Structure formats: structure tokens, C-alpha cells
C-alpha atoms as a PDB file:
ATOM      1  CA  UNK A   1       0.886  12.125 -20.580  1.00  0.00           C
ATOM      2  CA  UNK A   2       0.516  10.852 -17.017  1.00  0.00           C
ATOM      3  CA  UNK A   3      -1.549   8.244 -15.228  1.00  0.00           C
ATOM      4  CA  UNK A   4      -3.104   7.487 -11.869  1.00  0.00           C
ATOM      5  CA  UNK A   5      -2.810   3.730 -12.486  1.00  0.00           C
ATOM      6  CA  UNK A   6       0.981   3.504 -12.474  1.00  0.00           C
ATOM      7  CA  UNK A   7       1.640   2.075 -15.951  1.00  0.00           C
ATOM      8  CA  UNK A   8       3.228   5.317 -17.147  1.00  0.00           C
ATOM      9  CA  UNK A   9       4.808   8.143 -15.173  1.00  0.00           C
ATOM     10  CA  UNK A  10       2.482   9.248 -12.377  1.00  0.00           C
ATOM     11  CA  UNK A  11       0.631  12.540 -12.662  1.00  0.00           C
ATOM     12  CA  UNK A  12       2.043  15.546 -10.817  1.00  0.00           C
ATOM     13  CA  UNK A  13       1.674  15.235  -7.043  1.00  0.00           C
ATOM     14  CA  UNK A  14       1.488  11.419  -7.131  1.00  0.00           C
ATOM     15  CA  UNK A  15       4.205   8.820  -6.535  1.00  0.00           C
ATOM     16  CA  UNK A  16       4.340   5.230  -7.766  1.00  0.00           C
ATOM     17  CA  UNK A  17       4.168   2.454  -5.187  1.00  0.00           C
ATOM     18  CA  UNK A  18       3.900  -1.304  -5.578  1.00  0.00           C
ATOM     19  CA  UNK A  19       0.516  -2.678  -4.582  1.00  0.00           C
ATOM     20  CA  UNK A  20       0.822  -4.510  -1.252  1.00  0.00           C
ATOM     21  CA  UNK A  21      -1.597  -6.519   0.828  1.00  0.00           C
ATOM     22  CA  UNK A  22      -1.587  -6.392   4.634  1.00  0.00           C
ATOM     23  CA  UNK A  23      -1.702  -9.833   6.261  1.00  0.00           C
ATOM     24  CA  UNK A  24      -0.537 -11.368   9.521  1.00  0.00           C
ATOM     25  CA  UNK A  25       1.949 -14.177  10.035  1.00  0.00           C
ATOM     26  CA  UNK A  26       1.852 -17.108  12.505  1.00  0.00           C
ATOM     27  CA  UNK A  27       3.361 -14.822  15.199  1.00  0.00           C
ATOM     28  CA  UNK A  28       0.491 -12.337  14.753  1.00  0.00           C
ATOM     29  CA  UNK A  29       2.865  -9.765  13.236  1.00  0.00           C
ATOM     30  CA  UNK A  30       1.755  -7.625  10.295  1.00  0.00           C
ATOM     31  CA  UNK A  31       3.444  -8.446   6.984  1.00  0.00           C
ATOM     32  CA  UNK A  32       3.118  -6.627   3.679  1.00  0.00           C
ATOM     33  CA  UNK A  33       2.848  -8.956   0.693  1.00  0.00           C
ATOM     34  CA  UNK A  34       4.053  -7.141  -2.420  1.00  0.00           C
ATOM     35  CA  UNK A  35       2.532  -7.778  -5.824  1.00  0.00           C
ATOM     36  CA  UNK A  36       5.624  -7.104  -7.935  1.00  0.00           C
ATOM     37  CA  UNK A  37       3.746  -6.586 -11.179  1.00  0.00           C
ATOM     38  CA  UNK A  38       1.179  -4.061  -9.944  1.00  0.00           C
ATOM     39  CA  UNK A  39       1.973  -0.399  -9.412  1.00  0.00           C
ATOM     40  CA  UNK A  40      -0.400   2.302  -8.193  1.00  0.00           C
ATOM     41  CA  UNK A  41       0.065   6.073  -8.183  1.00  0.00           C
ATOM     42  CA  UNK A  42      -0.832   7.535  -4.792  1.00  0.00           C
ATOM     43  CA  UNK A  43      -0.588  10.880  -3.038  1.00  0.00           C
ATOM     44  CA  UNK A  44       1.843   9.627  -0.393  1.00  0.00           C
ATOM     45  CA  UNK A  45       3.446  11.924   2.147  1.00  0.00           C
ATOM     46  CA  UNK A  46       0.586  14.397   2.539  1.00  0.00           C
ATOM     47  CA  UNK A  47      -0.476  13.159   5.996  1.00  0.00           C
ATOM     48  CA  UNK A  48      -3.825  11.852   4.684  1.00  0.00           C
ATOM     49  CA  UNK A  49      -4.615   8.171   4.187  1.00  0.00           C
ATOM     50  CA  UNK A  50      -6.384   8.603   0.862  1.00  0.00           C
ATOM     51  CA  UNK A  51      -7.648   6.555  -2.049  1.00  0.00           C
ATOM     52  CA  UNK A  52      -5.430   3.569  -2.851  1.00  0.00           C
ATOM     53  CA  UNK A  53      -3.365   4.020   0.313  1.00  0.00           C
ATOM     54  CA  UNK A  54      -3.033   1.815   3.366  1.00  0.00           C
ATOM     55  CA  UNK A  55      -0.282   1.160   5.908  1.00  0.00           C
ATOM     56  CA  UNK A  56       1.660  -1.139   3.565  1.00  0.00           C
ATOM     57  CA  UNK A  57       1.519   1.266   0.602  1.00  0.00           C
ATOM     58  CA  UNK A  58       1.854   4.592   2.490  1.00  0.00           C
ATOM     59  CA  UNK A  59       3.008   3.984   6.070  1.00  0.00           C
ATOM     60  CA  UNK A  60       3.833   7.688   6.366  1.00  0.00           C
ATOM     61  CA  UNK A  61       0.129   8.549   5.935  1.00  0.00           C
ATOM     62  CA  UNK A  62      -1.877   5.548   7.163  1.00  0.00           C
ATOM     63  CA  UNK A  63      -2.242   3.923  10.595  1.00  0.00           C
ATOM     64  CA  UNK A  64      -0.938   0.424  11.237  1.00  0.00           C
ATOM     65  CA  UNK A  65      -3.826  -2.067  11.132  1.00  0.00           C
ATOM     66  CA  UNK A  66      -4.695  -4.386  13.991  1.00  0.00           C
ATOM     67  CA  UNK A  67      -3.527  -7.976  13.377  1.00  0.00           C
ATOM     68  CA  UNK A  68      -6.994  -9.162  14.441  1.00  0.00           C
ATOM     69  CA  UNK A  69      -8.494  -7.436  11.400  1.00  0.00           C
ATOM     70  CA  UNK A  70      -6.185  -9.216   8.930  1.00  0.00           C
ATOM     71  CA  UNK A  71      -6.169 -12.612   7.265  1.00  0.00           C
ATOM     72  CA  UNK A  72      -3.450 -15.121   8.097  1.00  0.00           C
ATOM     73  CA  UNK A  73      -0.711 -15.352   5.458  1.00  0.00           C
ATOM     74  CA  UNK A  74      -0.764 -18.916   4.072  1.00  0.00           C
ATOM     75  CA  UNK A  75       2.578 -20.661   4.257  1.00  0.00           C
END
């Protein structure tokens, strides 16, 4: 049995990645905040930024966001 949520082995064609949130720091640089307990199965590496993917989860498929579009990471 496989899953698309990441709690068990991912279904064929999907890989497990930790859920990450894109934010910016005080220097206006993009940082990826990892949620260590959440895993998502995504179709990374296919050249398409698909469902559940963003630059922090699948940088090989998704464009880097603009810092202006992100929230500031609270210190």
C-alpha cells in the first residue's frame, strides 16, 4: 500500500519531502522553514512545479519566489 500524504511509502513516481515554508529573513534573503514532522509525497524532478511543490520543497522543478511576495520570518 502506498500514499500521497507521506505517512507510508510514497506511491510509484512520487518522492517524500519534508513540508517547508518559504519566508524571508531580515536581509531579504529567502529561507525555507522545515516542518520536521510533516512529510508530503510529490512528483519532484519532472520539470513541472505541480501540486504540493514549491521552490523550498522541489527547487529542481519550481522557480525561486520573490522576497517581496513572502512574509518576514519572526525572530
